[in-house]
Amino acid sequence: MIRFRRPWLVVATILVALPLFAQRTQGQSSQAEFQKMIERYYAAWNTGNPDNAAPMYAKDADLVFFDITPLKYAGWAEYDKGVREVLGSFASATFRPNSDLRVIRHGNVAWTTLTWHLSGKKKTGESVELDGRHTAIWEHHGGKWLIVHEHFSVPLQ
């Protein structure tokens, strides 16, 4: 049997190390979990139908979503309507997330940041190539993560 001269030191070391290990494990699992969600998110939007992305969003009327155009939407219903109009001007559009996803999680709230590239063609025949930024704030509701705020933007040219 092992006897420790200072058992309180062993206990203190474990108490300090355990949260650090748990935080590292949570960070690694969050990264993988959100990577899959981001892939689903972009695949849903690339269909051109907001109905496919809708399950990933909270539907509270007081939520705010910032997009490239117009400046902002208040609540999911307004976002859904506005994005349909914007996407309706495209014959094709493919958003590709870049490999710079960053996830920060604190309990039931997380935010993700990444950059993306859009390759598209407007119904007018105009080609569109665009790089941008995407930040989303997620809350864990009823066993799943939902977007409660989103910010899409492009750098000034």
N, C-alpha and C. Protein backbone atom coordinates (compact mmCIF):
# COMPACT_ATOMS: atom_id res chain seq x y z
N MET A 1 0.84 -1.18 0.00
CA MET A 1 0.00 0.00 0.00
C MET A 1 0.89 1.25 0.00
N ILE A 2 0.51 2.20 -0.83
CA ILE A 2 1.27 3.44 -0.91
C ILE A 2 0.77 4.40 0.16
N ARG A 3 1.74 4.99 0.87
CA ARG A 3 1.39 5.98 1.90
C ARG A 3 1.99 7.31 1.48
N PHE A 4 1.17 8.32 1.50
CA PHE A 4 1.63 9.65 1.17
C PHE A 4 1.91 10.42 2.44
N ARG A 5 3.03 11.11 2.43
CA ARG A 5 3.38 11.92 3.61
C ARG A 5 2.46 13.12 3.73
N ARG A 6 2.05 13.66 2.56
CA ARG A 6 1.18 14.84 2.57
C ARG A 6 -0.05 14.53 1.72
N PRO A 7 -1.01 13.81 2.26
CA PRO A 7 -2.19 13.45 1.46
C PRO A 7 -2.96 14.68 0.98
N TRP A 8 -2.93 15.76 1.73
CA TRP A 8 -3.63 16.98 1.31
C TRP A 8 -3.04 17.54 0.02
N LEU A 9 -1.71 17.33 -0.20
CA LEU A 9 -1.06 17.81 -1.42
C LEU A 9 -1.55 17.00 -2.63
N VAL A 10 -1.73 15.71 -2.45
CA VAL A 10 -2.23 14.86 -3.54
C VAL A 10 -3.66 15.28 -3.89
N VAL A 11 -4.49 15.48 -2.89
CA VAL A 11 -5.87 15.90 -3.12
C VAL A 11 -5.91 17.27 -3.81
N ALA A 12 -5.10 18.20 -3.36
CA ALA A 12 -5.06 19.54 -3.95
C ALA A 12 -4.63 19.47 -5.41
N THR A 13 -3.64 18.64 -5.71
CA THR A 13 -3.17 18.49 -7.09
C THR A 13 -4.28 17.94 -7.98
N ILE A 14 -4.99 16.95 -7.49
CA ILE A 14 -6.10 16.38 -8.27
C ILE A 14 -7.19 17.42 -8.49
N LEU A 15 -7.52 18.17 -7.45
CA LEU A 15 -8.56 19.19 -7.58
C LEU A 15 -8.19 20.29 -8.55
N VAL A 16 -6.91 20.61 -8.66
CA VAL A 16 -6.46 21.63 -9.62
C VAL A 16 -6.43 21.04 -11.02
N ALA A 17 -5.96 19.82 -11.18
CA ALA A 17 -5.78 19.22 -12.50
C ALA A 17 -7.10 18.79 -13.14
N LEU A 18 -8.07 18.35 -12.36
CA LEU A 18 -9.32 17.84 -12.91
C LEU A 18 -10.07 18.87 -13.74
N PRO A 19 -10.27 20.09 -13.27
CA PRO A 19 -10.96 21.07 -14.12
C PRO A 19 -10.19 21.41 -15.39
N LEU A 20 -8.87 21.42 -15.32
CA LEU A 20 -8.07 21.70 -16.51
C LEU A 20 -8.25 20.60 -17.54
N PHE A 21 -8.28 19.35 -17.10
CA PHE A 21 -8.51 18.23 -17.99
C PHE A 21 -9.91 18.29 -18.58
N ALA A 22 -10.90 18.58 -17.74
CA ALA A 22 -12.29 18.66 -18.21
C ALA A 22 -12.45 19.78 -19.22
N GLN A 23 -11.82 20.92 -18.98
CA GLN A 23 -11.91 22.05 -19.91
C GLN A 23 -11.28 21.69 -21.24
N ARG A 24 -10.15 21.03 -21.23
CA ARG A 24 -9.49 20.63 -22.47
C ARG A 24 -10.35 19.64 -23.24
N THR A 25 -10.93 18.67 -22.54
CA THR A 25 -11.79 17.68 -23.17
C THR A 25 -13.02 18.35 -23.76
N GLN A 26 -13.63 19.28 -23.01
CA GLN A 26 -14.81 19.99 -23.51
C GLN A 26 -14.46 20.78 -24.76
N GLY A 27 -13.31 21.43 -24.76
CA GLY A 27 -12.88 22.21 -25.92
C GLY A 27 -12.69 21.35 -27.15
N GLN A 28 -12.10 20.18 -26.97
CA GLN A 28 -11.87 19.28 -28.10
C GLN A 28 -13.19 18.73 -28.63
N SER A 29 -14.10 18.34 -27.71
CA SER A 29 -15.38 17.81 -28.17
C SER A 29 -16.23 18.90 -28.78
N SER A 30 -16.16 20.13 -28.25
CA SER A 30 -16.91 21.24 -28.82
C SER A 30 -16.44 21.53 -30.23
N GLN A 31 -15.15 21.52 -30.46
CA GLN A 31 -14.62 21.80 -31.80
C GLN A 31 -15.16 20.78 -32.80
N ALA A 32 -15.10 19.52 -32.46
CA ALA A 32 -15.58 18.47 -33.37
C ALA A 32 -17.09 18.56 -33.57
N GLU A 33 -17.82 18.79 -32.48
CA GLU A 33 -19.28 18.90 -32.56
C GLU A 33 -19.69 20.09 -33.43
N PHE A 34 -19.08 21.23 -33.21
CA PHE A 34 -19.44 22.42 -33.98
C PHE A 34 -18.94 22.34 -35.41
N GLN A 35 -17.85 21.65 -35.66
CA GLN A 35 -17.39 21.45 -37.04
C GLN A 35 -18.48 20.74 -37.84
N LYS A 36 -19.08 19.72 -37.27
CA LYS A 36 -20.16 18.99 -37.94
C LYS A 36 -21.37 19.89 -38.13
N MET A 37 -21.70 20.70 -37.13
CA MET A 37 -22.85 21.59 -37.24
C MET A 37 -22.62 22.66 -38.31
N ILE A 38 -21.41 23.18 -38.39
CA ILE A 38 -21.09 24.19 -39.40
C ILE A 38 -21.20 23.56 -40.80
N GLU A 39 -20.75 22.35 -40.96
CA GLU A 39 -20.87 21.66 -42.24
C GLU A 39 -22.34 21.50 -42.63
N ARG A 40 -23.18 21.10 -41.65
CA ARG A 40 -24.62 20.97 -41.90
C ARG A 40 -25.24 22.33 -42.22
N TYR A 41 -24.80 23.34 -41.50
CA TYR A 41 -25.30 24.70 -41.68
C TYR A 41 -25.07 25.17 -43.13
N TYR A 42 -23.82 25.07 -43.60
CA TYR A 42 -23.51 25.53 -44.96
C TYR A 42 -24.18 24.66 -46.01
N ALA A 43 -24.28 23.37 -45.78
CA ALA A 43 -24.98 22.49 -46.72
C ALA A 43 -26.46 22.89 -46.81
N ALA A 44 -27.06 23.22 -45.67
CA ALA A 44 -28.47 23.64 -45.66
C ALA A 44 -28.67 24.93 -46.45
N TRP A 45 -27.83 25.93 -46.20
CA TRP A 45 -27.97 27.21 -46.91
C TRP A 45 -27.64 27.06 -48.39
N ASN A 46 -26.75 26.15 -48.73
CA ASN A 46 -26.38 25.97 -50.14
C ASN A 46 -27.50 25.36 -50.97
N THR A 47 -28.56 24.88 -50.33
CA THR A 47 -29.73 24.41 -51.08
C THR A 47 -30.52 25.59 -51.63
N GLY A 48 -30.28 26.79 -51.07
CA GLY A 48 -31.03 27.97 -51.49
C GLY A 48 -32.39 28.09 -50.84
N ASN A 49 -32.72 27.15 -49.97
CA ASN A 49 -34.02 27.14 -49.31
C ASN A 49 -33.85 27.34 -47.81
N PRO A 50 -34.28 28.50 -47.28
CA PRO A 50 -34.14 28.75 -45.84
C PRO A 50 -34.83 27.72 -44.96
N ASP A 51 -35.82 27.01 -45.49
CA ASP A 51 -36.50 25.97 -44.69
C ASP A 51 -35.51 24.91 -44.23
N ASN A 52 -34.46 24.67 -45.02
CA ASN A 52 -33.48 23.66 -44.66
C ASN A 52 -32.54 24.13 -43.54
N ALA A 53 -32.35 25.43 -43.41
CA ALA A 53 -31.50 25.98 -42.35
C ALA A 53 -32.31 26.33 -41.11
N ALA A 54 -33.61 26.52 -41.25
CA ALA A 54 -34.47 26.98 -40.15
C ALA A 54 -34.34 26.18 -38.86
N PRO A 55 -34.20 24.85 -38.90
CA PRO A 55 -34.10 24.10 -37.64
C PRO A 55 -32.86 24.45 -36.81
N MET A 56 -31.90 25.15 -37.39
CA MET A 56 -30.69 25.49 -36.66
C MET A 56 -30.81 26.83 -35.92
N TYR A 57 -31.95 27.50 -36.07
CA TYR A 57 -32.14 28.83 -35.50
C TYR A 57 -33.21 28.84 -34.42
N ALA A 58 -32.98 29.65 -33.37
CA ALA A 58 -34.03 29.94 -32.40
C ALA A 58 -35.02 30.88 -33.09
N LYS A 59 -36.27 30.83 -32.71
CA LYS A 59 -37.31 31.58 -33.41
C LYS A 59 -37.83 32.78 -32.62
N ASP A 60 -37.17 33.16 -31.53
CA ASP A 60 -37.62 34.29 -30.73
C ASP A 60 -37.71 35.56 -31.59
N ALA A 61 -38.77 36.31 -31.41
CA ALA A 61 -39.02 37.50 -32.23
C ALA A 61 -38.02 38.62 -31.96
N ASP A 62 -37.40 38.63 -30.78
CA ASP A 62 -36.50 39.74 -30.44
C ASP A 62 -35.03 39.47 -30.78
N LEU A 63 -34.75 38.39 -31.47
CA LEU A 63 -33.38 38.10 -31.87
C LEU A 63 -32.97 38.98 -33.04
N VAL A 64 -31.68 39.26 -33.15
CA VAL A 64 -31.17 40.11 -34.21
C VAL A 64 -30.15 39.32 -35.03
N PHE A 65 -30.28 39.44 -36.35
CA PHE A 65 -29.36 38.79 -37.28
C PHE A 65 -28.83 39.85 -38.23
N PHE A 66 -27.51 39.94 -38.33
CA PHE A 66 -26.87 40.87 -39.26
C PHE A 66 -26.44 40.10 -40.50
N ASP A 67 -26.71 40.66 -41.66
CA ASP A 67 -26.34 40.00 -42.90
C ASP A 67 -25.65 41.00 -43.81
N ILE A 68 -25.19 40.52 -44.95
CA ILE A 68 -24.50 41.38 -45.90
C ILE A 68 -25.45 42.47 -46.38
N THR A 69 -26.66 42.07 -46.73
CA THR A 69 -27.69 43.01 -47.14
C THR A 69 -29.05 42.43 -46.77
N PRO A 70 -29.93 43.16 -46.22
CA PRO A 70 -29.78 44.50 -45.68
C PRO A 70 -28.97 44.47 -44.39
N LEU A 71 -28.95 45.58 -43.70
CA LEU A 71 -28.12 45.73 -42.51
C LEU A 71 -28.47 44.74 -41.40
N LYS A 72 -29.76 44.59 -41.09
CA LYS A 72 -30.14 43.66 -40.02
C LYS A 72 -31.57 43.17 -40.19
N TYR A 73 -31.80 42.04 -39.55
CA TYR A 73 -33.13 41.45 -39.49
C TYR A 73 -33.51 41.30 -38.02
N ALA A 74 -34.78 41.52 -37.72
CA ALA A 74 -35.29 41.34 -36.36
C ALA A 74 -36.13 40.06 -36.33
N GLY A 75 -35.60 39.04 -35.70
CA GLY A 75 -36.31 37.77 -35.58
C GLY A 75 -36.18 36.88 -36.80
N TRP A 76 -36.45 35.59 -36.57
CA TRP A 76 -36.31 34.61 -37.64
C TRP A 76 -37.27 34.87 -38.80
N ALA A 77 -38.51 35.25 -38.53
CA ALA A 77 -39.49 35.44 -39.60
C ALA A 77 -39.00 36.50 -40.60
N GLU A 78 -38.48 37.61 -40.10
CA GLU A 78 -37.96 38.66 -40.97
C GLU A 78 -36.71 38.18 -41.72
N TYR A 79 -35.85 37.46 -41.02
CA TYR A 79 -34.64 36.92 -41.63
C TYR A 79 -35.00 35.97 -42.77
N ASP A 80 -35.91 35.06 -42.49
CA ASP A 80 -36.35 34.07 -43.48
C ASP A 80 -36.87 34.77 -44.74
N LYS A 81 -37.75 35.75 -44.55
CA LYS A 81 -38.34 36.47 -45.69
C LYS A 81 -37.26 37.22 -46.49
N GLY A 82 -36.39 37.93 -45.80
CA GLY A 82 -35.36 38.72 -46.48
C GLY A 82 -34.35 37.87 -47.21
N VAL A 83 -33.93 36.78 -46.60
CA VAL A 83 -32.92 35.91 -47.23
C VAL A 83 -33.51 35.23 -48.46
N ARG A 84 -34.79 34.90 -48.43
CA ARG A 84 -35.44 34.31 -49.61
C ARG A 84 -35.34 35.28 -50.80
N GLU A 85 -35.54 36.56 -50.51
CA GLU A 85 -35.45 37.56 -51.59
C GLU A 85 -34.03 37.66 -52.13
N VAL A 86 -33.05 37.70 -51.23
CA VAL A 86 -31.65 37.81 -51.66
C VAL A 86 -31.24 36.57 -52.44
N LEU A 87 -31.51 35.40 -51.89
CA LEU A 87 -31.12 34.16 -52.58
C LEU A 87 -31.89 33.99 -53.89
N GLY A 88 -33.10 34.53 -53.95
CA GLY A 88 -33.90 34.45 -55.17
C GLY A 88 -33.29 35.19 -56.34
N SER A 89 -32.35 36.09 -56.08
CA SER A 89 -31.70 36.83 -57.17
C SER A 89 -30.54 36.03 -57.78
N PHE A 90 -30.25 34.87 -57.21
CA PHE A 90 -29.15 34.03 -57.70
C PHE A 90 -29.69 32.85 -58.49
N ALA A 91 -29.02 32.55 -59.61
CA ALA A 91 -29.29 31.32 -60.35
C ALA A 91 -28.60 30.16 -59.63
N SER A 92 -27.43 30.46 -59.03
CA SER A 92 -26.69 29.46 -58.25
C SER A 92 -25.81 30.20 -57.25
N ALA A 93 -25.61 29.60 -56.11
CA ALA A 93 -24.74 30.18 -55.08
C ALA A 93 -24.24 29.07 -54.18
N THR A 94 -22.94 29.04 -53.99
CA THR A 94 -22.33 28.05 -53.11
C THR A 94 -21.42 28.76 -52.12
N PHE A 95 -21.78 28.65 -50.85
CA PHE A 95 -20.95 29.18 -49.77
C PHE A 95 -20.05 28.06 -49.29
N ARG A 96 -18.76 28.32 -49.25
CA ARG A 96 -17.80 27.32 -48.78
C ARG A 96 -17.10 27.85 -47.54
N PRO A 97 -17.29 27.17 -46.38
CA PRO A 97 -16.57 27.60 -45.19
C PRO A 97 -15.08 27.30 -45.33
N ASN A 98 -14.25 28.22 -44.88
CA ASN A 98 -12.81 27.97 -44.86
C ASN A 98 -12.46 27.12 -43.64
N SER A 99 -11.23 26.75 -43.51
CA SER A 99 -10.81 25.81 -42.45
C SER A 99 -10.36 26.52 -41.17
N ASP A 100 -10.87 27.73 -40.93
CA ASP A 100 -10.42 28.49 -39.77
C ASP A 100 -11.48 28.58 -38.66
N LEU A 101 -12.35 27.58 -38.57
CA LEU A 101 -13.39 27.58 -37.54
C LEU A 101 -12.76 27.67 -36.15
N ARG A 102 -13.32 28.57 -35.36
CA ARG A 102 -12.92 28.69 -33.96
C ARG A 102 -14.19 28.61 -33.12
N VAL A 103 -14.13 27.82 -32.06
CA VAL A 103 -15.28 27.62 -31.18
C VAL A 103 -14.88 28.02 -29.77
N ILE A 104 -15.70 28.85 -29.16
CA ILE A 104 -15.51 29.20 -27.75
C ILE A 104 -16.82 28.88 -27.06
N ARG A 105 -16.72 28.09 -26.01
CA ARG A 105 -17.92 27.63 -25.33
C ARG A 105 -17.83 27.90 -23.84
N HIS A 106 -18.93 28.41 -23.30
CA HIS A 106 -19.08 28.61 -21.86
C HIS A 106 -20.44 28.07 -21.47
N GLY A 107 -20.45 26.85 -20.95
CA GLY A 107 -21.71 26.22 -20.54
C GLY A 107 -22.64 26.04 -21.71
N ASN A 108 -23.84 26.65 -21.61
CA ASN A 108 -24.87 26.50 -22.63
C ASN A 108 -24.81 27.56 -23.73
N VAL A 109 -23.73 28.32 -23.76
CA VAL A 109 -23.55 29.35 -24.79
C VAL A 109 -22.21 29.10 -25.48
N ALA A 110 -22.22 29.24 -26.80
CA ALA A 110 -20.99 29.10 -27.58
C ALA A 110 -21.03 30.09 -28.72
N TRP A 111 -19.86 30.49 -29.17
CA TRP A 111 -19.82 31.29 -30.39
C TRP A 111 -18.78 30.69 -31.30
N THR A 112 -19.11 30.80 -32.59
CA THR A 112 -18.23 30.28 -33.63
C THR A 112 -17.85 31.42 -34.56
N THR A 113 -16.62 31.38 -35.02
CA THR A 113 -16.16 32.34 -36.01
C THR A 113 -15.44 31.59 -37.11
N LEU A 114 -15.59 32.07 -38.33
CA LEU A 114 -14.89 31.51 -39.47
C LEU A 114 -15.01 32.46 -40.64
N THR A 115 -14.24 32.19 -41.67
CA THR A 115 -14.36 32.93 -42.92
C THR A 115 -14.92 31.98 -43.97
N TRP A 116 -15.45 32.55 -45.06
CA TRP A 116 -16.09 31.75 -46.09
C TRP A 116 -15.84 32.38 -47.46
N HIS A 117 -16.15 31.58 -48.49
CA HIS A 117 -16.06 32.06 -49.87
C HIS A 117 -17.37 31.73 -50.57
N LEU A 118 -17.89 32.70 -51.31
CA LEU A 118 -19.10 32.51 -52.11
C LEU A 118 -18.72 32.49 -53.58
N SER A 119 -19.16 31.46 -54.28
CA SER A 119 -19.08 31.40 -55.74
C SER A 119 -20.52 31.32 -56.23
N GLY A 120 -20.92 32.27 -57.05
CA GLY A 120 -22.30 32.27 -57.50
C GLY A 120 -22.49 32.92 -58.85
N LYS A 121 -23.71 32.80 -59.30
CA LYS A 121 -24.10 33.43 -60.56
C LYS A 121 -25.49 34.02 -60.35
N LYS A 122 -25.60 35.32 -60.59
CA LYS A 122 -26.89 35.99 -60.46
C LYS A 122 -27.77 35.62 -61.64
N LYS A 123 -29.07 35.79 -61.49
CA LYS A 123 -29.99 35.50 -62.58
C LYS A 123 -29.76 36.44 -63.76
N THR A 124 -29.11 37.56 -63.51
CA THR A 124 -28.76 38.50 -64.59
C THR A 124 -27.57 38.01 -65.40
N GLY A 125 -26.91 36.94 -64.95
CA GLY A 125 -25.74 36.40 -65.63
C GLY A 125 -24.43 36.82 -65.00
N GLU A 126 -24.49 37.76 -64.09
CA GLU A 126 -23.28 38.26 -63.42
C GLU A 126 -22.69 37.19 -62.49
N SER A 127 -21.38 36.95 -62.61
CA SER A 127 -20.69 36.03 -61.70
C SER A 127 -20.35 36.77 -60.41
N VAL A 128 -20.39 36.03 -59.32
CA VAL A 128 -20.09 36.61 -58.01
C VAL A 128 -19.05 35.73 -57.31
N GLU A 129 -17.94 36.32 -56.93
CA GLU A 129 -16.92 35.67 -56.11
C GLU A 129 -16.71 36.61 -54.93
N LEU A 130 -16.89 36.12 -53.73
CA LEU A 130 -16.89 36.98 -52.55
C LEU A 130 -16.32 36.23 -51.36
N ASP A 131 -15.50 36.90 -50.56
CA ASP A 131 -15.00 36.35 -49.31
C ASP A 131 -15.63 37.11 -48.16
N GLY A 132 -15.91 36.41 -47.08
CA GLY A 132 -16.54 37.07 -45.94
C GLY A 132 -16.25 36.42 -44.62
N ARG A 133 -16.90 36.99 -43.59
CA ARG A 133 -16.74 36.53 -42.21
C ARG A 133 -18.10 36.09 -41.66
N HIS A 134 -18.08 35.14 -40.75
CA HIS A 134 -19.30 34.64 -40.15
C HIS A 134 -19.08 34.40 -38.67
N THR A 135 -19.89 35.03 -37.87
CA THR A 135 -19.90 34.81 -36.43
C THR A 135 -21.31 34.38 -36.04
N ALA A 136 -21.42 33.32 -35.27
CA ALA A 136 -22.72 32.88 -34.78
C ALA A 136 -22.63 32.66 -33.28
N ILE A 137 -23.68 33.05 -32.58
CA ILE A 137 -23.80 32.77 -31.15
C ILE A 137 -24.88 31.70 -31.01
N TRP A 138 -24.53 30.65 -30.32
CA TRP A 138 -25.39 29.48 -30.16
C TRP A 138 -25.78 29.33 -28.69
N GLU A 139 -27.01 28.89 -28.44
CA GLU A 139 -27.44 28.51 -27.10
C GLU A 139 -27.97 27.09 -27.16
N HIS A 140 -27.70 26.36 -26.09
CA HIS A 140 -28.16 24.98 -26.01
C HIS A 140 -29.59 24.98 -25.47
N HIS A 141 -30.56 24.58 -26.31
CA HIS A 141 -31.98 24.56 -25.95
C HIS A 141 -32.54 23.16 -26.19
N GLY A 142 -33.21 22.61 -25.22
CA GLY A 142 -33.91 21.34 -25.44
C GLY A 142 -33.06 20.25 -26.05
N GLY A 143 -31.80 20.17 -25.66
CA GLY A 143 -30.93 19.11 -26.14
C GLY A 143 -30.23 19.39 -27.46
N LYS A 144 -30.40 20.61 -28.01
CA LYS A 144 -29.68 20.92 -29.26
C LYS A 144 -29.22 22.37 -29.26
N TRP A 145 -28.21 22.63 -30.07
CA TRP A 145 -27.66 23.97 -30.21
C TRP A 145 -28.45 24.73 -31.26
N LEU A 146 -28.83 25.98 -30.91
CA LEU A 146 -29.56 26.85 -31.83
C LEU A 146 -28.86 28.19 -31.96
N ILE A 147 -28.88 28.75 -33.14
CA ILE A 147 -28.29 30.06 -33.37
C ILE A 147 -29.26 31.13 -32.85
N VAL A 148 -28.76 31.99 -31.96
CA VAL A 148 -29.57 33.07 -31.40
C VAL A 148 -29.12 34.44 -31.90
N HIS A 149 -27.97 34.49 -32.53
CA HIS A 149 -27.49 35.72 -33.17
C HIS A 149 -26.47 35.31 -34.23
N GLU A 150 -26.48 36.07 -35.32
CA GLU A 150 -25.57 35.76 -36.40
C GLU A 150 -25.11 37.05 -37.04
N HIS A 151 -23.87 37.04 -37.51
CA HIS A 151 -23.31 38.22 -38.17
C HIS A 151 -22.51 37.76 -39.39
N PHE A 152 -23.02 38.10 -40.56
CA PHE A 152 -22.32 37.87 -41.83
C PHE A 152 -21.81 39.21 -42.29
N SER A 153 -20.58 39.27 -42.75
CA SER A 153 -20.07 40.53 -43.29
C SER A 153 -18.97 40.25 -44.31
N VAL A 154 -18.71 41.27 -45.12
CA VAL A 154 -17.63 41.19 -46.11
C VAL A 154 -16.74 42.40 -45.89
N PRO A 155 -15.43 42.24 -46.14
CA PRO A 155 -14.53 43.39 -46.00
C PRO A 155 -14.83 44.43 -47.07
N LEU A 156 -14.58 45.69 -46.74
CA LEU A 156 -14.70 46.74 -47.73
C LEU A 156 -13.62 46.55 -48.78
N GLN A 157 -13.98 46.71 -50.02
CA GLN A 157 -13.03 46.50 -51.12
C GLN A 157 -12.28 47.75 -51.42
